[in-house]
Amino acid sequence: MTIQAPQRPGGRPEPVTMNIVSAEEIGMTPKTVCTGYYWTTEDIETFEDCRSIIRFYELRWRIEEFHKAWKSGAGVERLRPAISG
């Protein structure tokens, strides 16, 4: 799918071509099915390419949890000097 960006001051950005990976996670019971759609600008040619894209999305939550712990647990934002405007 090609997405055209909206008009902006200074012109319109180039269109972006996106690929979509669709995946289903099937649970232990017949009624437990979770479908996900993953948008990417990476080329997709093989099953392994699709699996890599899904893995990137799986890792995203680990990164989010790391940042949450870093900010709230370690207080990293309190350690940063205030930026005056």
PDB file of N, CA and C in Angstrom:
ATOM      1  N   MET A   1       0.844  -1.149   0.000  1.00  0.00           N
ATOM      2  CA  MET A   1       0.000   0.000   0.000  1.00  0.00           C
ATOM      3  C   MET A   1       0.901   1.228   0.000  1.00  0.00           C
ATOM      4  N   THR A   2       0.555   2.220  -0.804  1.00  0.00           N
ATOM      5  CA  THR A   2       1.303   3.476  -0.821  1.00  0.00           C
ATOM      6  C   THR A   2       0.458   4.552  -0.162  1.00  0.00           C
ATOM      7  N   ILE A   3       1.058   5.239   0.792  1.00  0.00           N
ATOM      8  CA  ILE A   3       0.367   6.272   1.557  1.00  0.00           C
ATOM      9  C   ILE A   3       0.910   7.629   1.155  1.00  0.00           C
ATOM     10  N   GLN A   4       0.023   8.529   0.784  1.00  0.00           N
ATOM     11  CA  GLN A   4       0.413   9.891   0.424  1.00  0.00           C
ATOM     12  C   GLN A   4       0.284  10.776   1.658  1.00  0.00           C
ATOM     13  N   ALA A   5       1.354  11.445   2.002  1.00  0.00           N
ATOM     14  CA  ALA A   5       1.338  12.365   3.142  1.00  0.00           C
ATOM     15  C   ALA A   5       0.510  13.598   2.799  1.00  0.00           C
ATOM     16  N   PRO A   6      -0.075  14.249   3.804  1.00  0.00           N
ATOM     17  CA  PRO A   6      -0.839  15.472   3.541  1.00  0.00           C
ATOM     18  C   PRO A   6       0.082  16.622   3.125  1.00  0.00           C
ATOM     19  N   GLN A   7      -0.514  17.604   2.484  1.00  0.00           N
ATOM     20  CA  GLN A   7       0.221  18.815   2.093  1.00  0.00           C
ATOM     21  C   GLN A   7       0.714  19.529   3.341  1.00  0.00           C
ATOM     22  N   ARG A   8       1.937  20.005   3.297  1.00  0.00           N
ATOM     23  CA  ARG A   8       2.537  20.731   4.427  1.00  0.00           C
ATOM     24  C   ARG A   8       3.182  22.002   3.908  1.00  0.00           C
ATOM     25  N   PRO A   9       3.431  22.958   4.801  1.00  0.00           N
ATOM     26  CA  PRO A   9       4.154  24.147   4.346  1.00  0.00           C
ATOM     27  C   PRO A   9       5.501  23.726   3.751  1.00  0.00           C
ATOM     28  N   GLY A  10       5.793  24.200   2.591  1.00  0.00           N
ATOM     29  CA  GLY A  10       7.036  23.834   1.921  1.00  0.00           C
ATOM     30  C   GLY A  10       6.868  22.677   0.954  1.00  0.00           C
ATOM     31  N   GLY A  11       5.669  22.129   0.846  1.00  0.00           N
ATOM     32  CA  GLY A  11       5.453  21.064  -0.131  1.00  0.00           C
ATOM     33  C   GLY A  11       4.886  19.801   0.474  1.00  0.00           C
ATOM     34  N   ARG A  12       4.693  18.843  -0.382  1.00  0.00           N
ATOM     35  CA  ARG A  12       4.146  17.546   0.029  1.00  0.00           C
ATOM     36  C   ARG A  12       5.281  16.532   0.087  1.00  0.00           C
ATOM     37  N   PRO A  13       5.447  15.825   1.222  1.00  0.00           N
ATOM     38  CA  PRO A  13       6.481  14.786   1.289  1.00  0.00           C
ATOM     39  C   PRO A  13       6.202  13.668   0.291  1.00  0.00           C
ATOM     40  N   GLU A  14       7.224  12.926  -0.030  1.00  0.00           N
ATOM     41  CA  GLU A  14       7.093  11.788  -0.951  1.00  0.00           C
ATOM     42  C   GLU A  14       6.161  10.737  -0.347  1.00  0.00           C
ATOM     43  N   PRO A  15       5.419  10.018  -1.191  1.00  0.00           N
ATOM     44  CA  PRO A  15       4.589   8.925  -0.681  1.00  0.00           C
ATOM     45  C   PRO A  15       5.455   7.830  -0.058  1.00  0.00           C
ATOM     46  N   VAL A  16       4.879   7.102   0.885  1.00  0.00           N
ATOM     47  CA  VAL A  16       5.583   6.019   1.569  1.00  0.00           C
ATOM     48  C   VAL A  16       4.888   4.712   1.219  1.00  0.00           C
ATOM     49  N   THR A  17       5.661   3.737   0.750  1.00  0.00           N
ATOM     50  CA  THR A  17       5.109   2.417   0.457  1.00  0.00           C
ATOM     51  C   THR A  17       5.242   1.546   1.698  1.00  0.00           C
ATOM     52  N   MET A  18       4.108   0.991   2.117  1.00  0.00           N
ATOM     53  CA  MET A  18       4.048   0.166   3.324  1.00  0.00           C
ATOM     54  C   MET A  18       3.661  -1.260   2.950  1.00  0.00           C
ATOM     55  N   ASN A  19       4.187  -2.205   3.687  1.00  0.00           N
ATOM     56  CA  ASN A  19       3.777  -3.601   3.586  1.00  0.00           C
ATOM     57  C   ASN A  19       3.037  -3.959   4.867  1.00  0.00           C
ATOM     58  N   ILE A  20       2.119  -4.888   4.772  1.00  0.00           N
ATOM     59  CA  ILE A  20       1.341  -5.305   5.934  1.00  0.00           C
ATOM     60  C   ILE A  20       1.532  -6.802   6.128  1.00  0.00           C
ATOM     61  N   VAL A  21       1.897  -7.180   7.351  1.00  0.00           N
ATOM     62  CA  VAL A  21       2.004  -8.585   7.721  1.00  0.00           C
ATOM     63  C   VAL A  21       0.808  -8.894   8.612  1.00  0.00           C
ATOM     64  N   SER A  22       0.056  -9.899   8.233  1.00  0.00           N
ATOM     65  CA  SER A  22      -1.086 -10.348   9.030  1.00  0.00           C
ATOM     66  C   SER A  22      -0.687 -11.642   9.728  1.00  0.00           C
ATOM     67  N   ALA A  23      -0.978 -11.733  11.033  1.00  0.00           N
ATOM     68  CA  ALA A  23      -0.617 -12.932  11.791  1.00  0.00           C
ATOM     69  C   ALA A  23      -1.738 -13.295  12.742  1.00  0.00           C
ATOM     70  N   GLU A  24      -1.904 -14.579  12.975  1.00  0.00           N
ATOM     71  CA  GLU A  24      -2.871 -15.065  13.945  1.00  0.00           C
ATOM     72  C   GLU A  24      -2.155 -15.868  15.006  1.00  0.00           C
ATOM     73  N   GLU A  25      -2.466 -15.567  16.270  1.00  0.00           N
ATOM     74  CA  GLU A  25      -1.964 -16.357  17.383  1.00  0.00           C
ATOM     75  C   GLU A  25      -3.128 -17.218  17.852  1.00  0.00           C
ATOM     76  N   ILE A  26      -2.951 -18.501  17.766  1.00  0.00           N
ATOM     77  CA  ILE A  26      -4.022 -19.423  18.126  1.00  0.00           C
ATOM     78  C   ILE A  26      -3.743 -19.976  19.516  1.00  0.00           C
ATOM     79  N   GLY A  27      -4.716 -19.807  20.409  1.00  0.00           N
ATOM     80  CA  GLY A  27      -4.549 -20.228  21.797  1.00  0.00           C
ATOM     81  C   GLY A  27      -4.859 -21.700  22.014  1.00  0.00           C
ATOM     82  N   MET A  28      -4.917 -22.060  23.269  1.00  0.00           N
ATOM     83  CA  MET A  28      -5.138 -23.452  23.650  1.00  0.00           C
ATOM     84  C   MET A  28      -6.587 -23.898  23.431  1.00  0.00           C
ATOM     85  N   THR A  29      -7.519 -22.964  23.403  1.00  0.00           N
ATOM     86  CA  THR A  29      -8.915 -23.316  23.183  1.00  0.00           C
ATOM     87  C   THR A  29      -9.328 -22.841  21.796  1.00  0.00           C
ATOM     88  N   PRO A  30     -10.299 -23.475  21.179  1.00  0.00           N
ATOM     89  CA  PRO A  30     -10.703 -23.090  19.818  1.00  0.00           C
ATOM     90  C   PRO A  30     -11.168 -21.644  19.693  1.00  0.00           C
ATOM     91  N   LYS A  31     -11.685 -21.066  20.768  1.00  0.00           N
ATOM     92  CA  LYS A  31     -12.206 -19.703  20.690  1.00  0.00           C
ATOM     93  C   LYS A  31     -11.134 -18.642  20.918  1.00  0.00           C
ATOM     94  N   THR A  32      -9.914 -19.047  21.231  1.00  0.00           N
ATOM     95  CA  THR A  32      -8.850 -18.093  21.526  1.00  0.00           C
ATOM     96  C   THR A  32      -7.985 -17.870  20.288  1.00  0.00           C
ATOM     97  N   VAL A  33      -8.333 -16.847  19.511  1.00  0.00           N
ATOM     98  CA  VAL A  33      -7.552 -16.485  18.329  1.00  0.00           C
ATOM     99  C   VAL A  33      -7.340 -14.978  18.367  1.00  0.00           C
ATOM    100  N   CYS A  34      -6.101 -14.553  18.210  1.00  0.00           N
ATOM    101  CA  CYS A  34      -5.774 -13.130  18.203  1.00  0.00           C
ATOM    102  C   CYS A  34      -5.132 -12.808  16.854  1.00  0.00           C
ATOM    103  N   THR A  35      -5.717 -11.872  16.124  1.00  0.00           N
ATOM    104  CA  THR A  35      -5.190 -11.487  14.818  1.00  0.00           C
ATOM    105  C   THR A  35      -4.521 -10.125  14.932  1.00  0.00           C
ATOM    106  N   GLY A  36      -3.346  -9.999  14.340  1.00  0.00           N
ATOM    107  CA  GLY A  36      -2.630  -8.738  14.343  1.00  0.00           C
ATOM    108  C   GLY A  36      -2.215  -8.348  12.941  1.00  0.00           C
ATOM    109  N   TYR A  37      -2.156  -7.052  12.711  1.00  0.00           N
ATOM    110  CA  TYR A  37      -1.690  -6.510  11.433  1.00  0.00           C
ATOM    111  C   TYR A  37      -0.516  -5.599  11.733  1.00  0.00           C
ATOM    112  N   TYR A  38       0.608  -5.856  11.107  1.00  0.00           N
ATOM    113  CA  TYR A  38       1.841  -5.138  11.387  1.00  0.00           C
ATOM    114  C   TYR A  38       2.292  -4.388  10.137  1.00  0.00           C
ATOM    115  N   TRP A  39       2.368  -3.076  10.248  1.00  0.00           N
ATOM    116  CA  TRP A  39       2.758  -2.215   9.129  1.00  0.00           C
ATOM    117  C   TRP A  39       4.269  -2.012   9.162  1.00  0.00           C
ATOM    118  N   THR A  40       4.888  -2.066   7.988  1.00  0.00           N
ATOM    119  CA  THR A  40       6.328  -1.901   7.918  1.00  0.00           C
ATOM    120  C   THR A  40       6.737  -1.329   6.564  1.00  0.00           C
ATOM    121  N   THR A  41       7.878  -0.672   6.547  1.00  0.00           N
ATOM    122  CA  THR A  41       8.463  -0.233   5.285  1.00  0.00           C
ATOM    123  C   THR A  41       9.534  -1.217   4.813  1.00  0.00           C
ATOM    124  N   GLU A  42       9.782  -2.276   5.605  1.00  0.00           N
ATOM    125  CA  GLU A  42      10.753  -3.303   5.228  1.00  0.00           C
ATOM    126  C   GLU A  42      10.201  -4.136   4.077  1.00  0.00           C
ATOM    127  N   ASP A  43      11.107  -4.647   3.232  1.00  0.00           N
ATOM    128  CA  ASP A  43      10.706  -5.548   2.152  1.00  0.00           C
ATOM    129  C   ASP A  43      10.295  -6.892   2.740  1.00  0.00           C
ATOM    130  N   ILE A  44       9.253  -7.474   2.180  1.00  0.00           N
ATOM    131  CA  ILE A  44       8.774  -8.782   2.630  1.00  0.00           C
ATOM    132  C   ILE A  44       8.702  -9.695   1.418  1.00  0.00           C
ATOM    133  N   GLU A  45       9.517 -10.726   1.436  1.00  0.00           N
ATOM    134  CA  GLU A  45       9.542 -11.691   0.342  1.00  0.00           C
ATOM    135  C   GLU A  45       9.272 -13.119   0.823  1.00  0.00           C
ATOM    136  N   THR A  46       9.650 -13.416   2.054  1.00  0.00           N
ATOM    137  CA  THR A  46       9.584 -14.795   2.546  1.00  0.00           C
ATOM    138  C   THR A  46       8.874 -14.855   3.890  1.00  0.00           C
ATOM    139  N   PHE A  47       8.591 -16.073   4.328  1.00  0.00           N
ATOM    140  CA  PHE A  47       8.029 -16.287   5.658  1.00  0.00           C
ATOM    141  C   PHE A  47       8.985 -15.761   6.720  1.00  0.00           C
ATOM    142  N   GLU A  48      10.276 -15.961   6.534  1.00  0.00           N
ATOM    143  CA  GLU A  48      11.272 -15.491   7.497  1.00  0.00           C
ATOM    144  C   GLU A  48      11.242 -13.965   7.617  1.00  0.00           C
ATOM    145  N   ASP A  49      11.014 -13.264   6.502  1.00  0.00           N
ATOM    146  CA  ASP A  49      10.876 -11.805   6.545  1.00  0.00           C
ATOM    147  C   ASP A  49       9.673 -11.421   7.406  1.00  0.00           C
ATOM    148  N   CYS A  50       8.564 -12.114   7.216  1.00  0.00           N
ATOM    149  CA  CYS A  50       7.358 -11.841   8.005  1.00  0.00           C
ATOM    150  C   CYS A  50       7.621 -12.097   9.482  1.00  0.00           C
ATOM    151  N   ARG A  51       8.278 -13.193   9.780  1.00  0.00           N
ATOM    152  CA  ARG A  51       8.566 -13.532  11.180  1.00  0.00           C
ATOM    153  C   ARG A  51       9.467 -12.483  11.821  1.00  0.00           C
ATOM    154  N   SER A  52      10.413 -11.942  11.061  1.00  0.00           N
ATOM    155  CA  SER A  52      11.294 -10.888  11.592  1.00  0.00           C
ATOM    156  C   SER A  52      10.499  -9.648  11.959  1.00  0.00           C
ATOM    157  N   ILE A  53       9.544  -9.266  11.127  1.00  0.00           N
ATOM    158  CA  ILE A  53       8.720  -8.090  11.406  1.00  0.00           C
ATOM    159  C   ILE A  53       7.910  -8.309  12.684  1.00  0.00           C
ATOM    160  N   ILE A  54       7.316  -9.485  12.809  1.00  0.00           N
ATOM    161  CA  ILE A  54       6.543  -9.788  14.016  1.00  0.00           C
ATOM    162  C   ILE A  54       7.449  -9.763  15.237  1.00  0.00           C
ATOM    163  N   ARG A  55       8.653 -10.267  15.119  1.00  0.00           N
ATOM    164  CA  ARG A  55       9.615 -10.271  16.245  1.00  0.00           C
ATOM    165  C   ARG A  55       9.953  -8.842  16.670  1.00  0.00           C
ATOM    166  N   PHE A  56      10.118  -7.932  15.714  1.00  0.00           N
ATOM    167  CA  PHE A  56      10.380  -6.525  16.055  1.00  0.00           C
ATOM    168  C   PHE A  56       9.253  -5.970  16.925  1.00  0.00           C
ATOM    169  N   TYR A  57       8.016  -6.271  16.552  1.00  0.00           N
ATOM    170  CA  TYR A  57       6.878  -5.799  17.342  1.00  0.00           C
ATOM    171  C   TYR A  57       6.823  -6.470  18.708  1.00  0.00           C
ATOM    172  N   GLU A  58       7.196  -7.740  18.795  1.00  0.00           N
ATOM    173  CA  GLU A  58       7.242  -8.427  20.086  1.00  0.00           C
ATOM    174  C   GLU A  58       8.242  -7.756  21.019  1.00  0.00           C
ATOM    175  N   LEU A  59       9.388  -7.369  20.491  1.00  0.00           N
ATOM    176  CA  LEU A  59      10.433  -6.745  21.308  1.00  0.00           C
ATOM    177  C   LEU A  59      10.068  -5.336  21.748  1.00  0.00           C
ATOM    178  N   ARG A  60       9.170  -4.694  21.034  1.00  0.00           N
ATOM    179  CA  ARG A  60       8.780  -3.322  21.373  1.00  0.00           C
ATOM    180  C   ARG A  60       8.295  -3.222  22.815  1.00  0.00           C
ATOM    181  N   TRP A  61       7.532  -4.207  23.279  1.00  0.00           N
ATOM    182  CA  TRP A  61       6.987  -4.135  24.642  1.00  0.00           C
ATOM    183  C   TRP A  61       8.074  -4.277  25.684  1.00  0.00           C
ATOM    184  N   ARG A  62       9.116  -5.051  25.398  1.00  0.00           N
ATOM    185  CA  ARG A  62      10.246  -5.141  26.315  1.00  0.00           C
ATOM    186  C   ARG A  62      10.940  -3.783  26.442  1.00  0.00           C
ATOM    187  N   ILE A  63      11.068  -3.100  25.326  1.00  0.00           N
ATOM    188  CA  ILE A  63      11.692  -1.772  25.325  1.00  0.00           C
ATOM    189  C   ILE A  63      10.833  -0.779  26.098  1.00  0.00           C
ATOM    190  N   GLU A  64       9.506  -0.831  25.904  1.00  0.00           N
ATOM    191  CA  GLU A  64       8.596   0.058  26.638  1.00  0.00           C
ATOM    192  C   GLU A  64       8.710  -0.169  28.139  1.00  0.00           C
ATOM    193  N   GLU A  65       8.761  -1.430  28.566  1.00  0.00           N
ATOM    194  CA  GLU A  65       8.897  -1.740  29.993  1.00  0.00           C
ATOM    195  C   GLU A  65      10.234  -1.245  30.538  1.00  0.00           C
ATOM    196  N   PHE A  66      11.291  -1.361  29.754  1.00  0.00           N
ATOM    197  CA  PHE A  66      12.599  -0.855  30.172  1.00  0.00           C
ATOM    198  C   PHE A  66      12.532   0.649  30.426  1.00  0.00           C
ATOM    199  N   HIS A  67      11.941   1.391  29.476  1.00  0.00           N
ATOM    200  CA  HIS A  67      11.862   2.843  29.636  1.00  0.00           C
ATOM    201  C   HIS A  67      10.988   3.229  30.827  1.00  0.00           C
ATOM    202  N   LYS A  68       9.915   2.503  31.051  1.00  0.00           N
ATOM    203  CA  LYS A  68       9.048   2.773  32.210  1.00  0.00           C
ATOM    204  C   LYS A  68       9.838   2.590  33.506  1.00  0.00           C
ATOM    205  N   ALA A  69      10.581   1.493  33.607  1.00  0.00           N
ATOM    206  CA  ALA A  69      11.383   1.244  34.806  1.00  0.00           C
ATOM    207  C   ALA A  69      12.485   2.281  34.955  1.00  0.00           C
ATOM    208  N   TRP A  70      13.077   2.671  33.858  1.00  0.00           N
ATOM    209  CA  TRP A  70      14.160   3.645  33.878  1.00  0.00           C
ATOM    210  C   TRP A  70      13.650   4.996  34.369  1.00  0.00           C
ATOM    211  N   LYS A  71      12.460   5.380  33.907  1.00  0.00           N
ATOM    212  CA  LYS A  71      11.904   6.684  34.287  1.00  0.00           C
ATOM    213  C   LYS A  71      11.327   6.666  35.696  1.00  0.00           C
ATOM    214  N   SER A  72      10.472   5.689  36.002  1.00  0.00           N
ATOM    215  CA  SER A  72       9.803   5.710  37.297  1.00  0.00           C
ATOM    216  C   SER A  72      10.631   5.052  38.396  1.00  0.00           C
ATOM    217  N   GLY A  73      11.291   3.944  38.091  1.00  0.00           N
ATOM    218  CA  GLY A  73      12.077   3.253  39.108  1.00  0.00           C
ATOM    219  C   GLY A  73      13.399   3.927  39.394  1.00  0.00           C
ATOM    220  N   ALA A  74      14.150   4.242  38.362  1.00  0.00           N
ATOM    221  CA  ALA A  74      15.467   4.845  38.532  1.00  0.00           C
ATOM    222  C   ALA A  74      15.399   6.371  38.639  1.00  0.00           C
ATOM    223  N   GLY A  75      14.266   6.956  38.263  1.00  0.00           N
ATOM    224  CA  GLY A  75      14.118   8.411  38.348  1.00  0.00           C
ATOM    225  C   GLY A  75      15.020   9.167  37.408  1.00  0.00           C
ATOM    226  N   VAL A  76      15.265   8.632  36.245  1.00  0.00           N
ATOM    227  CA  VAL A  76      16.204   9.250  35.312  1.00  0.00           C
ATOM    228  C   VAL A  76      15.786  10.669  34.919  1.00  0.00           C
ATOM    229  N   GLU A  77      14.494  10.946  34.843  1.00  0.00           N
ATOM    230  CA  GLU A  77      14.055  12.295  34.472  1.00  0.00           C
ATOM    231  C   GLU A  77      14.355  13.308  35.571  1.00  0.00           C
ATOM    232  N   ARG A  78      14.369  12.867  36.818  1.00  0.00           N
ATOM    233  CA  ARG A  78      14.720  13.796  37.919  1.00  0.00           C
ATOM    234  C   ARG A  78      16.205  14.142  37.884  1.00  0.00           C
ATOM    235  N   LEU A  79      17.010  13.247  37.333  1.00  0.00           N
ATOM    236  CA  LEU A  79      18.448  13.472  37.264  1.00  0.00           C
ATOM    237  C   LEU A  79      18.855  14.394  36.127  1.00  0.00           C
ATOM    238  N   ARG A  80      17.988  14.526  35.143  1.00  0.00           N
ATOM    239  CA  ARG A  80      18.296  15.364  33.990  1.00  0.00           C
ATOM    240  C   ARG A  80      18.189  16.837  34.377  1.00  0.00           C
ATOM    241  N   PRO A  81      19.164  17.657  33.987  1.00  0.00           N
ATOM    242  CA  PRO A  81      19.074  19.087  34.308  1.00  0.00           C
ATOM    243  C   PRO A  81      17.869  19.733  33.598  1.00  0.00           C
ATOM    244  N   ALA A  82      17.259  20.677  34.275  1.00  0.00           N
ATOM    245  CA  ALA A  82      16.124  21.374  33.697  1.00  0.00           C
ATOM    246  C   ALA A  82      16.592  22.197  32.489  1.00  0.00           C
ATOM    247  N   ILE A  83      15.780  22.195  31.465  1.00  0.00           N
ATOM    248  CA  ILE A  83      16.088  22.973  30.249  1.00  0.00           C
ATOM    249  C   ILE A  83      15.268  24.255  30.315  1.00  0.00           C
ATOM    250  N   SER A  84      15.940  25.361  30.302  1.00  0.00           N
ATOM    251  CA  SER A  84      15.228  26.639  30.349  1.00  0.00           C
ATOM    252  C   SER A  84      14.917  27.105  28.940  1.00  0.00           C
ATOM    253  N   GLY A  85      13.766  27.680  28.775  1.00  0.00           N
ATOM    254  CA  GLY A  85      13.363  28.114  27.444  1.00  0.00           C
ATOM    255  C   GLY A  85      13.553  29.540  27.317  1.00  0.00           C
TER     256      GLY A  85
END
